[in-house]
N, C-alpha and C. Protein backbone atom coordinates (compact mmCIF):
# COMPACT_ATOMS: atom_id res chain seq x y z
N UNK A 1 17.93 -15.41 -8.22
CA UNK A 1 17.78 -14.59 -7.03
C UNK A 1 17.68 -13.12 -7.39
N UNK A 2 18.57 -12.65 -8.26
CA UNK A 2 18.55 -11.26 -8.68
C UNK A 2 17.27 -10.95 -9.45
N UNK A 3 16.81 -11.92 -10.23
CA UNK A 3 15.59 -11.73 -11.00
C UNK A 3 14.37 -11.58 -10.06
N UNK A 4 14.34 -12.35 -9.00
CA UNK A 4 13.25 -12.25 -8.02
C UNK A 4 13.27 -10.89 -7.33
N UNK A 5 14.44 -10.41 -6.99
CA UNK A 5 14.57 -9.11 -6.33
C UNK A 5 14.09 -8.01 -7.27
N UNK A 6 14.47 -8.09 -8.54
CA UNK A 6 14.03 -7.08 -9.50
C UNK A 6 12.51 -7.10 -9.69
N UNK A 7 11.92 -8.29 -9.69
CA UNK A 7 10.46 -8.40 -9.80
C UNK A 7 9.78 -7.77 -8.59
N UNK A 8 10.32 -8.00 -7.41
CA UNK A 8 9.74 -7.42 -6.20
C UNK A 8 9.89 -5.90 -6.18
N UNK A 9 11.01 -5.41 -6.68
CA UNK A 9 11.20 -3.96 -6.76
C UNK A 9 10.21 -3.35 -7.75
N UNK A 10 10.02 -4.01 -8.88
CA UNK A 10 9.04 -3.52 -9.85
C UNK A 10 7.63 -3.55 -9.27
N UNK A 11 7.31 -4.59 -8.52
CA UNK A 11 6.01 -4.67 -7.87
C UNK A 11 5.84 -3.54 -6.87
N UNK A 12 6.88 -3.23 -6.12
CA UNK A 12 6.82 -2.13 -5.15
C UNK A 12 6.62 -0.80 -5.87
N UNK A 13 7.30 -0.59 -6.97
CA UNK A 13 7.17 0.67 -7.72
C UNK A 13 5.76 0.82 -8.27
N UNK A 14 5.22 -0.24 -8.84
CA UNK A 14 3.84 -0.19 -9.36
C UNK A 14 2.86 0.09 -8.22
N UNK A 15 3.06 -0.52 -7.07
CA UNK A 15 2.19 -0.28 -5.92
C UNK A 15 2.26 1.19 -5.49
N UNK A 16 3.46 1.72 -5.42
CA UNK A 16 3.62 3.12 -5.02
C UNK A 16 2.99 4.07 -6.04
N UNK A 17 3.17 3.79 -7.32
CA UNK A 17 2.60 4.66 -8.35
C UNK A 17 1.07 4.68 -8.23
N UNK A 18 0.46 3.52 -8.06
CA UNK A 18 -0.99 3.47 -7.91
C UNK A 18 -1.44 4.16 -6.62
N UNK A 19 -0.68 4.01 -5.55
CA UNK A 19 -0.99 4.71 -4.30
C UNK A 19 -0.88 6.22 -4.47
N UNK A 20 0.17 6.69 -5.14
CA UNK A 20 0.33 8.12 -5.38
C UNK A 20 -0.74 8.66 -6.32
N UNK A 21 -1.13 7.85 -7.28
CA UNK A 21 -2.21 8.25 -8.18
C UNK A 21 -3.51 8.43 -7.41
N UNK A 22 -3.78 7.52 -6.48
CA UNK A 22 -4.98 7.68 -5.64
C UNK A 22 -4.89 8.94 -4.79
N UNK A 23 -3.74 9.17 -4.17
CA UNK A 23 -3.57 10.36 -3.33
C UNK A 23 -3.78 11.63 -4.16
N UNK A 24 -3.17 11.68 -5.33
CA UNK A 24 -3.30 12.86 -6.19
C UNK A 24 -4.74 13.08 -6.62
N UNK A 25 -5.41 12.02 -7.03
CA UNK A 25 -6.80 12.13 -7.45
C UNK A 25 -7.69 12.56 -6.28
N UNK A 26 -7.44 11.98 -5.14
CA UNK A 26 -8.22 12.32 -3.94
C UNK A 26 -8.03 13.79 -3.56
N UNK A 27 -6.79 14.25 -3.55
CA UNK A 27 -6.52 15.64 -3.20
C UNK A 27 -7.16 16.60 -4.19
N UNK A 28 -7.10 16.25 -5.46
CA UNK A 28 -7.66 17.13 -6.49
C UNK A 28 -9.17 17.25 -6.36
N UNK A 29 -9.86 16.12 -6.21
CA UNK A 29 -11.31 16.15 -6.22
C UNK A 29 -11.92 16.57 -4.88
N UNK A 30 -11.21 16.40 -3.78
CA UNK A 30 -11.77 16.85 -2.50
C UNK A 30 -11.72 18.36 -2.37
N UNK A 31 -10.79 19.01 -3.05
CA UNK A 31 -10.68 20.47 -3.00
C UNK A 31 -11.22 21.13 -4.26
N UNK A 32 -11.84 20.37 -5.14
CA UNK A 32 -12.34 20.88 -6.43
C UNK A 32 -11.23 21.54 -7.24
N UNK A 33 -10.02 21.04 -7.09
CA UNK A 33 -8.89 21.56 -7.85
C UNK A 33 -8.25 22.80 -7.27
N UNK A 34 -8.84 23.34 -6.20
CA UNK A 34 -8.30 24.54 -5.57
C UNK A 34 -7.16 24.13 -4.64
N UNK A 35 -6.12 24.89 -4.66
CA UNK A 35 -4.95 24.64 -3.80
C UNK A 35 -4.35 23.25 -4.03
N UNK A 36 -4.42 22.77 -5.23
CA UNK A 36 -3.81 21.48 -5.57
C UNK A 36 -2.38 21.76 -6.00
N UNK A 37 -1.44 21.58 -5.08
CA UNK A 37 -0.06 21.93 -5.37
C UNK A 37 0.83 20.71 -5.30
N UNK A 38 2.00 20.87 -5.85
CA UNK A 38 3.00 19.80 -5.81
C UNK A 38 3.43 19.52 -4.36
N UNK A 39 3.41 20.55 -3.52
CA UNK A 39 3.79 20.37 -2.11
C UNK A 39 2.82 19.43 -1.40
N UNK A 40 1.52 19.54 -1.72
CA UNK A 40 0.54 18.63 -1.13
C UNK A 40 0.81 17.19 -1.53
N UNK A 41 1.03 16.98 -2.82
CA UNK A 41 1.29 15.63 -3.32
C UNK A 41 2.58 15.08 -2.72
N UNK A 42 3.60 15.91 -2.65
CA UNK A 42 4.88 15.45 -2.11
C UNK A 42 4.75 15.14 -0.62
N UNK A 43 4.02 15.95 0.12
CA UNK A 43 3.86 15.71 1.55
C UNK A 43 3.18 14.39 1.84
N UNK A 44 2.00 14.20 1.23
CA UNK A 44 1.27 12.95 1.44
C UNK A 44 2.00 11.78 0.78
N UNK A 45 2.53 12.01 -0.40
CA UNK A 45 3.18 10.94 -1.16
C UNK A 45 4.43 10.40 -0.49
N UNK A 46 5.29 11.28 -0.05
CA UNK A 46 6.53 10.85 0.60
C UNK A 46 6.22 10.09 1.88
N UNK A 47 5.26 10.59 2.64
CA UNK A 47 4.89 9.90 3.88
C UNK A 47 4.35 8.50 3.58
N UNK A 48 3.52 8.38 2.56
CA UNK A 48 2.96 7.07 2.20
C UNK A 48 4.04 6.14 1.66
N UNK A 49 4.96 6.66 0.86
CA UNK A 49 6.01 5.82 0.30
C UNK A 49 6.95 5.30 1.38
N UNK A 50 7.35 6.17 2.27
CA UNK A 50 8.27 5.75 3.34
C UNK A 50 7.61 4.71 4.24
N UNK A 51 6.38 4.99 4.67
CA UNK A 51 5.70 4.06 5.56
C UNK A 51 5.41 2.74 4.87
N UNK A 52 4.95 2.78 3.63
CA UNK A 52 4.65 1.52 2.93
C UNK A 52 5.92 0.76 2.57
N UNK A 53 7.00 1.48 2.32
CA UNK A 53 8.28 0.80 2.05
C UNK A 53 8.75 0.02 3.26
N UNK A 54 8.60 0.61 4.43
CA UNK A 54 8.95 -0.10 5.66
C UNK A 54 8.02 -1.29 5.88
N UNK A 55 6.73 -1.09 5.60
CA UNK A 55 5.78 -2.19 5.73
C UNK A 55 6.11 -3.33 4.77
N UNK A 56 6.49 -2.99 3.55
CA UNK A 56 6.81 -4.02 2.56
C UNK A 56 7.96 -4.90 3.03
N UNK A 57 8.98 -4.25 3.56
CA UNK A 57 10.16 -5.02 4.00
C UNK A 57 9.92 -5.77 5.30
N UNK A 58 9.26 -5.14 6.23
CA UNK A 58 9.14 -5.73 7.56
C UNK A 58 7.90 -6.61 7.76
N UNK A 59 6.83 -6.35 7.00
CA UNK A 59 5.58 -7.07 7.24
C UNK A 59 5.09 -7.82 6.01
N UNK A 60 4.96 -7.12 4.88
CA UNK A 60 4.36 -7.75 3.69
C UNK A 60 5.15 -8.96 3.22
N UNK A 61 6.44 -8.76 2.93
CA UNK A 61 7.24 -9.85 2.37
C UNK A 61 7.32 -11.08 3.27
N UNK A 62 7.65 -10.92 4.56
CA UNK A 62 7.67 -12.12 5.40
C UNK A 62 6.31 -12.82 5.47
N UNK A 63 5.23 -12.04 5.55
CA UNK A 63 3.89 -12.64 5.61
C UNK A 63 3.55 -13.36 4.32
N UNK A 64 3.91 -12.77 3.19
CA UNK A 64 3.62 -13.41 1.90
C UNK A 64 4.39 -14.71 1.74
N UNK A 65 5.65 -14.72 2.15
CA UNK A 65 6.43 -15.96 2.03
C UNK A 65 5.93 -17.05 2.98
N UNK A 66 5.48 -16.66 4.16
CA UNK A 66 4.91 -17.64 5.09
C UNK A 66 3.62 -18.22 4.52
N UNK A 67 2.75 -17.36 3.97
CA UNK A 67 1.51 -17.85 3.37
C UNK A 67 1.79 -18.73 2.16
N UNK A 68 2.78 -18.36 1.37
CA UNK A 68 3.15 -19.17 0.21
C UNK A 68 3.62 -20.56 0.64
N UNK A 69 4.38 -20.61 1.72
CA UNK A 69 4.87 -21.89 2.22
C UNK A 69 3.73 -22.73 2.79
N UNK A 70 2.81 -22.10 3.50
CA UNK A 70 1.69 -22.84 4.11
C UNK A 70 0.70 -23.36 3.07
N UNK A 71 0.50 -22.60 2.01
CA UNK A 71 -0.44 -23.01 0.96
C UNK A 71 0.23 -23.88 -0.10
N UNK A 72 1.55 -24.03 0.00
CA UNK A 72 2.33 -24.81 -0.97
C UNK A 72 2.15 -24.26 -2.38
N UNK A 73 2.17 -22.94 -2.49
CA UNK A 73 2.03 -22.30 -3.79
C UNK A 73 1.36 -20.95 -3.65
N UNK A 74 0.93 -20.43 -4.78
CA UNK A 74 0.35 -19.09 -4.82
C UNK A 74 -1.14 -19.09 -5.16
N UNK A 75 -1.81 -20.16 -4.87
CA UNK A 75 -3.23 -20.23 -5.19
C UNK A 75 -4.01 -20.47 -3.89
N UNK A 76 -5.08 -19.79 -3.66
CA UNK A 76 -5.75 -18.75 -4.42
C UNK A 76 -5.11 -17.38 -4.18
N UNK A 77 -5.08 -16.58 -5.21
CA UNK A 77 -4.44 -15.26 -5.15
C UNK A 77 -5.15 -14.31 -4.21
N UNK A 78 -6.44 -14.48 -4.08
CA UNK A 78 -7.22 -13.58 -3.24
C UNK A 78 -6.69 -13.57 -1.80
N UNK A 79 -6.22 -14.69 -1.31
CA UNK A 79 -5.68 -14.74 0.06
C UNK A 79 -4.45 -13.85 0.20
N UNK A 80 -3.61 -13.80 -0.83
CA UNK A 80 -2.42 -12.96 -0.79
C UNK A 80 -2.79 -11.47 -0.83
N UNK A 81 -3.78 -11.15 -1.66
CA UNK A 81 -4.25 -9.77 -1.76
C UNK A 81 -4.88 -9.32 -0.44
N UNK A 82 -5.71 -10.15 0.15
CA UNK A 82 -6.35 -9.81 1.42
C UNK A 82 -5.33 -9.73 2.56
N UNK A 83 -4.33 -10.60 2.52
CA UNK A 83 -3.31 -10.58 3.57
C UNK A 83 -2.59 -9.25 3.61
N UNK A 84 -2.08 -8.80 2.46
CA UNK A 84 -1.32 -7.55 2.45
C UNK A 84 -2.21 -6.32 2.39
N UNK A 85 -3.39 -6.46 1.80
CA UNK A 85 -4.28 -5.30 1.71
C UNK A 85 -4.95 -4.96 3.02
N UNK A 86 -5.38 -5.96 3.74
CA UNK A 86 -6.16 -5.70 4.97
C UNK A 86 -5.41 -6.12 6.23
N UNK A 87 -5.06 -7.38 6.32
CA UNK A 87 -4.51 -7.91 7.56
C UNK A 87 -3.19 -7.25 7.96
N UNK A 88 -2.27 -7.13 7.01
CA UNK A 88 -0.97 -6.52 7.33
C UNK A 88 -1.08 -5.02 7.61
N UNK A 89 -2.10 -4.40 7.07
CA UNK A 89 -2.29 -2.96 7.28
C UNK A 89 -3.16 -2.65 8.49
N UNK A 90 -3.66 -3.65 9.17
CA UNK A 90 -4.54 -3.44 10.31
C UNK A 90 -3.93 -2.53 11.39
N UNK A 91 -2.66 -2.68 11.75
CA UNK A 91 -2.09 -1.75 12.74
C UNK A 91 -2.10 -0.29 12.25
N UNK A 92 -1.86 -0.08 10.96
CA UNK A 92 -1.90 1.27 10.40
C UNK A 92 -3.32 1.82 10.46
N UNK A 93 -4.30 0.97 10.10
CA UNK A 93 -5.70 1.40 10.14
C UNK A 93 -6.10 1.81 11.56
N UNK A 94 -5.69 1.02 12.53
CA UNK A 94 -6.04 1.33 13.93
C UNK A 94 -5.36 2.61 14.39
N UNK A 95 -4.08 2.77 14.05
CA UNK A 95 -3.35 3.99 14.44
C UNK A 95 -3.99 5.22 13.81
N UNK A 96 -4.35 5.14 12.54
CA UNK A 96 -4.98 6.28 11.87
C UNK A 96 -6.36 6.57 12.46
N UNK A 97 -7.08 5.53 12.85
CA UNK A 97 -8.39 5.73 13.45
C UNK A 97 -8.28 6.47 14.78
N UNK A 98 -7.22 6.19 15.54
CA UNK A 98 -7.02 6.90 16.81
C UNK A 98 -6.62 8.36 16.60
N UNK A 99 -6.06 8.67 15.44
CA UNK A 99 -5.64 10.05 15.17
C UNK A 99 -6.77 10.95 14.67
N UNK A 100 -7.91 10.34 14.35
CA UNK A 100 -9.03 11.13 13.84
C UNK A 100 -9.50 12.09 14.94
N UNK A 101 -9.69 13.34 14.56
CA UNK A 101 -10.11 14.44 15.43
C UNK A 101 -9.07 14.79 16.49
N UNK A 102 -7.92 14.21 16.42
CA UNK A 102 -6.82 14.59 17.31
C UNK A 102 -5.73 15.27 16.49
N UNK A 103 -5.25 14.57 15.48
CA UNK A 103 -4.16 15.10 14.65
C UNK A 103 -4.56 15.26 13.18
N UNK A 104 -5.64 14.59 12.76
CA UNK A 104 -6.05 14.68 11.36
C UNK A 104 -7.56 14.56 11.25
N UNK A 105 -8.05 15.04 10.13
CA UNK A 105 -9.50 14.97 9.88
C UNK A 105 -9.86 13.56 9.43
N UNK A 106 -11.14 13.23 9.54
CA UNK A 106 -11.62 11.92 9.16
C UNK A 106 -11.33 11.63 7.69
N UNK A 107 -11.52 12.62 6.82
CA UNK A 107 -11.29 12.39 5.39
C UNK A 107 -9.82 12.10 5.09
N UNK A 108 -8.91 12.76 5.80
CA UNK A 108 -7.49 12.48 5.62
C UNK A 108 -7.16 11.05 6.06
N UNK A 109 -7.70 10.65 7.20
CA UNK A 109 -7.44 9.30 7.71
C UNK A 109 -7.97 8.25 6.75
N UNK A 110 -9.19 8.45 6.25
CA UNK A 110 -9.75 7.50 5.29
C UNK A 110 -8.93 7.48 4.01
N UNK A 111 -8.45 8.64 3.59
CA UNK A 111 -7.59 8.70 2.41
C UNK A 111 -6.31 7.91 2.60
N UNK A 112 -5.67 8.06 3.75
CA UNK A 112 -4.45 7.29 4.02
C UNK A 112 -4.75 5.80 4.13
N UNK A 113 -5.85 5.46 4.79
CA UNK A 113 -6.21 4.04 4.90
C UNK A 113 -6.43 3.42 3.52
N UNK A 114 -7.12 4.14 2.68
CA UNK A 114 -7.38 3.64 1.33
C UNK A 114 -6.08 3.53 0.54
N UNK A 115 -5.19 4.49 0.72
CA UNK A 115 -3.90 4.44 0.04
C UNK A 115 -3.11 3.20 0.45
N UNK A 116 -3.05 2.94 1.75
CA UNK A 116 -2.34 1.75 2.21
C UNK A 116 -3.04 0.47 1.76
N UNK A 117 -4.35 0.49 1.71
CA UNK A 117 -5.09 -0.66 1.20
C UNK A 117 -4.73 -0.94 -0.25
N UNK A 118 -4.70 0.11 -1.06
CA UNK A 118 -4.35 -0.05 -2.48
C UNK A 118 -2.91 -0.54 -2.63
N UNK A 119 -1.99 0.10 -1.93
CA UNK A 119 -0.58 -0.30 -2.04
C UNK A 119 -0.40 -1.75 -1.60
N UNK A 120 -1.01 -2.13 -0.49
CA UNK A 120 -0.87 -3.50 0.00
C UNK A 120 -1.50 -4.51 -0.92
N UNK A 121 -2.70 -4.23 -1.43
CA UNK A 121 -3.39 -5.17 -2.30
C UNK A 121 -2.64 -5.35 -3.61
N UNK A 122 -2.15 -4.25 -4.18
CA UNK A 122 -1.40 -4.35 -5.44
C UNK A 122 -0.08 -5.09 -5.21
N UNK A 123 0.55 -4.86 -4.07
CA UNK A 123 1.80 -5.57 -3.78
C UNK A 123 1.55 -7.07 -3.62
N UNK A 124 0.47 -7.44 -2.94
CA UNK A 124 0.14 -8.86 -2.79
C UNK A 124 -0.17 -9.52 -4.11
N UNK A 125 -0.93 -8.83 -4.96
CA UNK A 125 -1.23 -9.38 -6.29
C UNK A 125 0.03 -9.45 -7.14
N UNK A 126 0.84 -8.42 -7.08
CA UNK A 126 2.10 -8.43 -7.83
C UNK A 126 3.03 -9.55 -7.39
N UNK A 127 3.02 -9.84 -6.10
CA UNK A 127 3.83 -10.94 -5.58
C UNK A 127 3.42 -12.28 -6.22
N UNK A 128 2.12 -12.49 -6.36
CA UNK A 128 1.66 -13.74 -6.97
C UNK A 128 1.92 -13.77 -8.47
N UNK A 129 1.79 -12.63 -9.11
CA UNK A 129 2.02 -12.57 -10.56
C UNK A 129 3.50 -12.64 -10.91
N UNK A 130 4.36 -12.11 -10.07
CA UNK A 130 5.80 -12.09 -10.37
C UNK A 130 6.40 -13.49 -10.38
N UNK A 131 5.77 -14.41 -9.69
CA UNK A 131 6.28 -15.78 -9.69
C UNK A 131 6.05 -16.47 -11.03
N UNK A 132 5.06 -16.02 -11.78
CA UNK A 132 4.75 -16.62 -13.06
C UNK A 132 5.65 -16.11 -14.18
N UNK A 133 6.15 -14.89 -14.04
CA UNK A 133 6.94 -14.28 -15.11
C UNK A 133 8.35 -14.81 -15.16
C-alpha cells in the first residue's frame, strides 16, 4: 500500500515537472525572453500545480481506478492517457474557453489547456507504468 502511494506521488511530481517545464518554455518563447521572470513562472506554476493536484485527487485517481476495474487491467494504455489527458480535463478546458477575452488572452488559455493536457496525460501514463514497477 505504501509502495503504491509512493509511486503515485512520484507520478504526480513527474507530471508537475513536465507541466512546469512547458509553462516555462512557453513563457520564454512567447515573449522572446523579455520579461521572463521567476514571478511569472511561480504565478502560472503554482496555479497549475494547485489546480492539477486537486484534479489528481478528486478526478484523475477515481477515474483511473474505475477504468482499471472495467478493463480488468491496464491495457490498452492509450485509454488511460486519453481519460486523464482529455476527458477528465474537459471541465477545465470549457471554463478556460469561457474566460477568453474576459479574464485572459487566448494564448494564455491555450497555454493553460496544454499544461493541463500534459499533466493529465503524463499522470495517466505514469499510473499504468507504476503498476509494472
